[in-house]
Each structure stands twice: as structure tokens, then as C-alpha cells.
Amino acid sequence: MSDKLYNWSYLEEVTLEDFIKKVTPLVSNPVQNLMEMDGDMYLSDYRDLQEASNRLLNLLKQLEREGDEL
């Protein structure tokens, strides 16, 4: 994979591969809990899904900015 770095947090940049590895549990664990609990959700699961959404949206914005620079 590429050695290009993407923002994960304010002071942390990661490769795209590492980004995927970090965001996957933020999505997969809450979804697994939702399936096991027939749609009920823990507040911590909601927080993790919100965090994953924010990080993915930030990545998308970064990718769009880079596309505009080409």
C-alpha cells in the first residue's frame, strides 16, 4: 500500500492501511452488538459509530482536497 499519510487525530497521521485497521473496530463492534441485541444499542456503541463517521468524513475531505490539487 501507499506510504501516504492521512490524518487520524490532531497530532497523528497514519497510512491508509492503518486508518482502515483503526476504524474497523469502531464500526464492526457496535454493529455486531446491534445484531446480537436485536437492534438495541449501548451509548458507547453510538459514540464509536459517531467517531468512525467523523473520521471517515475527515478522510474523504482530505482525499477531495488532494484531488483538487492535482
PDB file of N, CA and C in Angstrom:
ATOM      1  N   MET A   1       0.829  -1.178   0.000  1.00  0.00           N
ATOM      2  CA  MET A   1       0.000   0.000   0.000  1.00  0.00           C
ATOM      3  C   MET A   1       0.881   1.251   0.000  1.00  0.00           C
ATOM      4  N   SER A   2       0.263   2.343  -0.183  1.00  0.00           N
ATOM      5  CA  SER A   2       0.965   3.618  -0.271  1.00  0.00           C
ATOM      6  C   SER A   2       1.518   4.040   1.089  1.00  0.00           C
ATOM      7  N   ASP A   3       2.606   4.787   1.037  1.00  0.00           N
ATOM      8  CA  ASP A   3       3.183   5.334   2.256  1.00  0.00           C
ATOM      9  C   ASP A   3       2.610   6.710   2.571  1.00  0.00           C
ATOM     10  N   LYS A   4       1.631   7.158   1.803  1.00  0.00           N
ATOM     11  CA  LYS A   4       0.991   8.446   2.032  1.00  0.00           C
ATOM     12  C   LYS A   4       0.334   8.422   3.405  1.00  0.00           C
ATOM     13  N   LEU A   5       0.390   9.541   4.093  1.00  0.00           N
ATOM     14  CA  LEU A   5      -0.173   9.634   5.437  1.00  0.00           C
ATOM     15  C   LEU A   5      -1.467  10.426   5.423  1.00  0.00           C
ATOM     16  N   TYR A   6      -2.392   9.992   6.265  1.00  0.00           N
ATOM     17  CA  TYR A   6      -3.705  10.629   6.396  1.00  0.00           C
ATOM     18  C   TYR A   6      -3.934  10.969   7.854  1.00  0.00           C
ATOM     19  N   ASN A   7      -4.659  12.052   8.088  1.00  0.00           N
ATOM     20  CA  ASN A   7      -4.932  12.496   9.459  1.00  0.00           C
ATOM     21  C   ASN A   7      -5.830  11.496  10.172  1.00  0.00           C
ATOM     22  N   TRP A   8      -5.383  11.059  11.337  1.00  0.00           N
ATOM     23  CA  TRP A   8      -6.221  10.237  12.205  1.00  0.00           C
ATOM     24  C   TRP A   8      -6.733  11.090  13.362  1.00  0.00           C
ATOM     25  N   SER A   9      -5.844  11.852  13.937  1.00  0.00           N
ATOM     26  CA  SER A   9      -6.216  12.781  15.000  1.00  0.00           C
ATOM     27  C   SER A   9      -5.350  14.024  14.840  1.00  0.00           C
ATOM     28  N   TYR A  10      -5.496  14.936  15.744  1.00  0.00           N
ATOM     29  CA  TYR A  10      -4.817  16.225  15.626  1.00  0.00           C
ATOM     30  C   TYR A  10      -3.309  16.068  15.432  1.00  0.00           C
ATOM     31  N   LEU A  11      -2.698  15.201  16.191  1.00  0.00           N
ATOM     32  CA  LEU A  11      -1.246  15.030  16.130  1.00  0.00           C
ATOM     33  C   LEU A  11      -0.813  13.671  15.587  1.00  0.00           C
ATOM     34  N   GLU A  12      -1.711  12.956  14.949  1.00  0.00           N
ATOM     35  CA  GLU A  12      -1.373  11.615  14.468  1.00  0.00           C
ATOM     36  C   GLU A  12      -1.785  11.447  13.014  1.00  0.00           C
ATOM     37  N   GLU A  13      -0.827  11.006  12.217  1.00  0.00           N
ATOM     38  CA  GLU A  13      -1.095  10.665  10.831  1.00  0.00           C
ATOM     39  C   GLU A  13      -0.759   9.192  10.639  1.00  0.00           C
ATOM     40  N   VAL A  14      -1.559   8.521   9.821  1.00  0.00           N
ATOM     41  CA  VAL A  14      -1.384   7.088   9.605  1.00  0.00           C
ATOM     42  C   VAL A  14      -1.511   6.784   8.118  1.00  0.00           C
ATOM     43  N   THR A  15      -1.006   5.619   7.726  1.00  0.00           N
ATOM     44  CA  THR A  15      -1.189   5.173   6.352  1.00  0.00           C
ATOM     45  C   THR A  15      -2.654   4.787   6.164  1.00  0.00           C
ATOM     46  N   LEU A  16      -3.066   4.641   4.925  1.00  0.00           N
ATOM     47  CA  LEU A  16      -4.449   4.246   4.652  1.00  0.00           C
ATOM     48  C   LEU A  16      -4.733   2.865   5.237  1.00  0.00           C
ATOM     49  N   GLU A  17      -3.767   1.976   5.156  1.00  0.00           N
ATOM     50  CA  GLU A  17      -3.934   0.637   5.726  1.00  0.00           C
ATOM     51  C   GLU A  17      -4.163   0.717   7.235  1.00  0.00           C
ATOM     52  N   ASP A  18      -3.368   1.518   7.924  1.00  0.00           N
ATOM     53  CA  ASP A  18      -3.544   1.678   9.370  1.00  0.00           C
ATOM     54  C   ASP A  18      -4.858   2.380   9.700  1.00  0.00           C
ATOM     55  N   PHE A  19      -5.262   3.331   8.860  1.00  0.00           N
ATOM     56  CA  PHE A  19      -6.541   4.011   9.061  1.00  0.00           C
ATOM     57  C   PHE A  19      -7.672   2.981   9.047  1.00  0.00           C
ATOM     58  N   ILE A  20      -7.645   2.103   8.063  1.00  0.00           N
ATOM     59  CA  ILE A  20      -8.690   1.069   7.955  1.00  0.00           C
ATOM     60  C   ILE A  20      -8.656   0.146   9.166  1.00  0.00           C
ATOM     61  N   LYS A  21      -7.473  -0.232   9.600  1.00  0.00           N
ATOM     62  CA  LYS A  21      -7.354  -1.100  10.771  1.00  0.00           C
ATOM     63  C   LYS A  21      -7.898  -0.431  12.029  1.00  0.00           C
ATOM     64  N   LYS A  22      -7.726   0.878  12.145  1.00  0.00           N
ATOM     65  CA  LYS A  22      -8.198   1.593  13.337  1.00  0.00           C
ATOM     66  C   LYS A  22      -9.702   1.872  13.302  1.00  0.00           C
ATOM     67  N   VAL A  23     -10.249   2.127  12.120  1.00  0.00           N
ATOM     68  CA  VAL A  23     -11.657   2.478  12.034  1.00  0.00           C
ATOM     69  C   VAL A  23     -12.559   1.231  12.037  1.00  0.00           C
ATOM     70  N   THR A  24     -12.026   0.094  11.613  1.00  0.00           N
ATOM     71  CA  THR A  24     -12.838  -1.126  11.530  1.00  0.00           C
ATOM     72  C   THR A  24     -13.486  -1.515  12.849  1.00  0.00           C
ATOM     73  N   PRO A  25     -12.760  -1.566  13.973  1.00  0.00           N
ATOM     74  CA  PRO A  25     -13.441  -1.931  15.222  1.00  0.00           C
ATOM     75  C   PRO A  25     -14.459  -0.896  15.691  1.00  0.00           C
ATOM     76  N   LEU A  26     -14.267   0.365  15.287  1.00  0.00           N
ATOM     77  CA  LEU A  26     -15.237   1.393  15.660  1.00  0.00           C
ATOM     78  C   LEU A  26     -16.581   1.150  14.988  1.00  0.00           C
ATOM     79  N   VAL A  27     -16.567   0.436  13.879  1.00  0.00           N
ATOM     80  CA  VAL A  27     -17.800   0.129  13.151  1.00  0.00           C
ATOM     81  C   VAL A  27     -18.261  -1.298  13.436  1.00  0.00           C
ATOM     82  N   SER A  28     -17.356  -2.250  13.306  1.00  0.00           N
ATOM     83  CA  SER A  28     -17.760  -3.654  13.384  1.00  0.00           C
ATOM     84  C   SER A  28     -18.241  -4.074  14.769  1.00  0.00           C
ATOM     85  N   ASN A  29     -17.595  -3.589  15.819  1.00  0.00           N
ATOM     86  CA  ASN A  29     -18.030  -3.986  17.167  1.00  0.00           C
ATOM     87  C   ASN A  29     -19.443  -3.492  17.497  1.00  0.00           C
ATOM     88  N   PRO A  30     -19.762  -2.218  17.272  1.00  0.00           N
ATOM     89  CA  PRO A  30     -21.135  -1.775  17.535  1.00  0.00           C
ATOM     90  C   PRO A  30     -22.173  -2.483  16.659  1.00  0.00           C
ATOM     91  N   VAL A  31     -21.833  -2.725  15.403  1.00  0.00           N
ATOM     92  CA  VAL A  31     -22.783  -3.408  14.517  1.00  0.00           C
ATOM     93  C   VAL A  31     -23.024  -4.835  15.007  1.00  0.00           C
ATOM     94  N   GLN A  32     -21.971  -5.505  15.444  1.00  0.00           N
ATOM     95  CA  GLN A  32     -22.129  -6.862  15.996  1.00  0.00           C
ATOM     96  C   GLN A  32     -23.034  -6.835  17.219  1.00  0.00           C
ATOM     97  N   ASN A  33     -22.840  -5.849  18.095  1.00  0.00           N
ATOM     98  CA  ASN A  33     -23.703  -5.731  19.276  1.00  0.00           C
ATOM     99  C   ASN A  33     -25.153  -5.465  18.880  1.00  0.00           C
ATOM    100  N   LEU A  34     -25.357  -4.629  17.877  1.00  0.00           N
ATOM    101  CA  LEU A  34     -26.719  -4.357  17.401  1.00  0.00           C
ATOM    102  C   LEU A  34     -27.400  -5.640  16.930  1.00  0.00           C
ATOM    103  N   MET A  35     -26.660  -6.456  16.203  1.00  0.00           N
ATOM    104  CA  MET A  35     -27.229  -7.709  15.693  1.00  0.00           C
ATOM    105  C   MET A  35     -27.549  -8.670  16.834  1.00  0.00           C
ATOM    106  N   GLU A  36     -26.668  -8.729  17.826  1.00  0.00           N
ATOM    107  CA  GLU A  36     -26.863  -9.657  18.940  1.00  0.00           C
ATOM    108  C   GLU A  36     -27.977  -9.206  19.878  1.00  0.00           C
ATOM    109  N   MET A  37     -28.239  -7.907  19.941  1.00  0.00           N
ATOM    110  CA  MET A  37     -29.223  -7.386  20.885  1.00  0.00           C
ATOM    111  C   MET A  37     -30.504  -6.932  20.178  1.00  0.00           C
ATOM    112  N   ASP A  38     -30.752  -7.465  19.001  1.00  0.00           N
ATOM    113  CA  ASP A  38     -31.976  -7.170  18.245  1.00  0.00           C
ATOM    114  C   ASP A  38     -32.231  -5.677  18.092  1.00  0.00           C
ATOM    115  N   GLY A  39     -31.196  -4.931  17.758  1.00  0.00           N
ATOM    116  CA  GLY A  39     -31.364  -3.516  17.451  1.00  0.00           C
ATOM    117  C   GLY A  39     -31.126  -2.571  18.604  1.00  0.00           C
ATOM    118  N   ASP A  40     -30.992  -3.095  19.829  1.00  0.00           N
ATOM    119  CA  ASP A  40     -30.668  -2.222  20.951  1.00  0.00           C
ATOM    120  C   ASP A  40     -29.214  -1.788  20.835  1.00  0.00           C
ATOM    121  N   MET A  41     -28.924  -0.597  21.331  1.00  0.00           N
ATOM    122  CA  MET A  41     -27.569  -0.071  21.208  1.00  0.00           C
ATOM    123  C   MET A  41     -27.109   0.529  22.521  1.00  0.00           C
ATOM    124  N   TYR A  42     -25.864   0.221  22.877  1.00  0.00           N
ATOM    125  CA  TYR A  42     -25.241   0.870  24.026  1.00  0.00           C
ATOM    126  C   TYR A  42     -24.830   2.284  23.629  1.00  0.00           C
ATOM    127  N   LEU A  43     -24.789   3.166  24.588  1.00  0.00           N
ATOM    128  CA  LEU A  43     -24.334   4.527  24.332  1.00  0.00           C
ATOM    129  C   LEU A  43     -22.889   4.523  23.829  1.00  0.00           C
ATOM    130  N   SER A  44     -22.074   3.618  24.346  1.00  0.00           N
ATOM    131  CA  SER A  44     -20.681   3.523  23.895  1.00  0.00           C
ATOM    132  C   SER A  44     -20.612   3.085  22.431  1.00  0.00           C
ATOM    133  N   ASP A  45     -21.537   2.245  22.004  1.00  0.00           N
ATOM    134  CA  ASP A  45     -21.586   1.839  20.594  1.00  0.00           C
ATOM    135  C   ASP A  45     -21.945   3.022  19.709  1.00  0.00           C
ATOM    136  N   TYR A  46     -22.891   3.810  20.149  1.00  0.00           N
ATOM    137  CA  TYR A  46     -23.277   5.011  19.405  1.00  0.00           C
ATOM    138  C   TYR A  46     -22.089   5.959  19.288  1.00  0.00           C
ATOM    139  N   ARG A  47     -21.371   6.131  20.377  1.00  0.00           N
ATOM    140  CA  ARG A  47     -20.193   7.005  20.378  1.00  0.00           C
ATOM    141  C   ARG A  47     -19.138   6.498  19.397  1.00  0.00           C
ATOM    142  N   ASP A  48     -18.907   5.179  19.386  1.00  0.00           N
ATOM    143  CA  ASP A  48     -17.929   4.607  18.460  1.00  0.00           C
ATOM    144  C   ASP A  48     -18.353   4.791  17.004  1.00  0.00           C
ATOM    145  N   LEU A  49     -19.629   4.598  16.711  1.00  0.00           N
ATOM    146  CA  LEU A  49     -20.119   4.798  15.345  1.00  0.00           C
ATOM    147  C   LEU A  49     -20.002   6.262  14.935  1.00  0.00           C
ATOM    148  N   GLN A  50     -20.279   7.163  15.866  1.00  0.00           N
ATOM    149  CA  GLN A  50     -20.144   8.590  15.584  1.00  0.00           C
ATOM    150  C   GLN A  50     -18.689   8.951  15.319  1.00  0.00           C
ATOM    151  N   GLU A  51     -17.787   8.407  16.117  1.00  0.00           N
ATOM    152  CA  GLU A  51     -16.362   8.659  15.914  1.00  0.00           C
ATOM    153  C   GLU A  51     -15.897   8.123  14.557  1.00  0.00           C
ATOM    154  N   ALA A  52     -16.330   6.916  14.211  1.00  0.00           N
ATOM    155  CA  ALA A  52     -15.963   6.344  12.913  1.00  0.00           C
ATOM    156  C   ALA A  52     -16.499   7.204  11.779  1.00  0.00           C
ATOM    157  N   SER A  53     -17.726   7.665  11.900  1.00  0.00           N
ATOM    158  CA  SER A  53     -18.320   8.521  10.879  1.00  0.00           C
ATOM    159  C   SER A  53     -17.513   9.800  10.711  1.00  0.00           C
ATOM    160  N   ASN A  54     -17.157  10.437  11.813  1.00  0.00           N
ATOM    161  CA  ASN A  54     -16.379  11.678  11.752  1.00  0.00           C
ATOM    162  C   ASN A  54     -15.021  11.451  11.111  1.00  0.00           C
ATOM    163  N   ARG A  55     -14.359  10.370  11.482  1.00  0.00           N
ATOM    164  CA  ARG A  55     -13.038  10.090  10.921  1.00  0.00           C
ATOM    165  C   ARG A  55     -13.121   9.793   9.425  1.00  0.00           C
ATOM    166  N   LEU A  56     -14.141   9.056   9.006  1.00  0.00           N
ATOM    167  CA  LEU A  56     -14.308   8.759   7.589  1.00  0.00           C
ATOM    168  C   LEU A  56     -14.632  10.019   6.794  1.00  0.00           C
ATOM    169  N   LEU A  57     -15.472  10.880   7.346  1.00  0.00           N
ATOM    170  CA  LEU A  57     -15.787  12.138   6.664  1.00  0.00           C
ATOM    171  C   LEU A  57     -14.549  13.023   6.543  1.00  0.00           C
ATOM    172  N   ASN A  58     -13.729  13.061   7.588  1.00  0.00           N
ATOM    173  CA  ASN A  58     -12.495  13.836   7.524  1.00  0.00           C
ATOM    174  C   ASN A  58     -11.539  13.266   6.479  1.00  0.00           C
ATOM    175  N   LEU A  59     -11.453  11.948   6.393  1.00  0.00           N
ATOM    176  CA  LEU A  59     -10.612  11.320   5.375  1.00  0.00           C
ATOM    177  C   LEU A  59     -11.116  11.667   3.980  1.00  0.00           C
ATOM    178  N   LEU A  60     -12.407  11.597   3.787  1.00  0.00           N
ATOM    179  CA  LEU A  60     -12.990  11.929   2.489  1.00  0.00           C
ATOM    180  C   LEU A  60     -12.678  13.372   2.100  1.00  0.00           C
ATOM    181  N   LYS A  61     -12.792  14.298   3.045  1.00  0.00           N
ATOM    182  CA  LYS A  61     -12.460  15.703   2.763  1.00  0.00           C
ATOM    183  C   LYS A  61     -10.992  15.852   2.374  1.00  0.00           C
ATOM    184  N   GLN A  62     -10.116  15.125   3.086  1.00  0.00           N
ATOM    185  CA  GLN A  62      -8.692  15.185   2.768  1.00  0.00           C
ATOM    186  C   GLN A  62      -8.436  14.631   1.363  1.00  0.00           C
ATOM    187  N   LEU A  63      -9.079  13.539   1.017  1.00  0.00           N
ATOM    188  CA  LEU A  63      -8.907  12.952  -0.311  1.00  0.00           C
ATOM    189  C   LEU A  63      -9.433  13.893  -1.404  1.00  0.00           C
ATOM    190  N   GLU A  64     -10.549  14.564  -1.127  1.00  0.00           N
ATOM    191  CA  GLU A  64     -11.107  15.506  -2.097  1.00  0.00           C
ATOM    192  C   GLU A  64     -10.188  16.707  -2.287  1.00  0.00           C
ATOM    193  N   ARG A  65      -9.601  17.205  -1.194  1.00  0.00           N
ATOM    194  CA  ARG A  65      -8.649  18.324  -1.302  1.00  0.00           C
ATOM    195  C   ARG A  65      -7.441  17.918  -2.132  1.00  0.00           C
ATOM    196  N   GLU A  66      -6.953  16.717  -1.923  1.00  0.00           N
ATOM    197  CA  GLU A  66      -5.805  16.250  -2.693  1.00  0.00           C
ATOM    198  C   GLU A  66      -6.151  16.090  -4.165  1.00  0.00           C
ATOM    199  N   GLY A  67      -7.375  15.670  -4.448  1.00  0.00           N
ATOM    200  CA  GLY A  67      -7.812  15.545  -5.831  1.00  0.00           C
ATOM    201  C   GLY A  67      -7.904  16.892  -6.518  1.00  0.00           C
ATOM    202  N   ASP A  68      -8.289  17.924  -5.761  1.00  0.00           N
ATOM    203  CA  ASP A  68      -8.373  19.277  -6.300  1.00  0.00           C
ATOM    204  C   ASP A  68      -6.989  19.856  -6.604  1.00  0.00           C
ATOM    205  N   GLU A  69      -5.992  19.376  -5.865  1.00  0.00           N
ATOM    206  CA  GLU A  69      -4.628  19.893  -6.049  1.00  0.00           C
ATOM    207  C   GLU A  69      -3.966  19.337  -7.290  1.00  0.00           C
ATOM    208  N   LEU A  70      -4.454  18.233  -7.809  1.00  0.00           N
ATOM    209  CA  LEU A  70      -3.819  17.604  -8.994  1.00  0.00           C
ATOM    210  C   LEU A  70      -4.067  18.380 -10.263  1.00  0.00           C
TER     211      LEU A  70
END
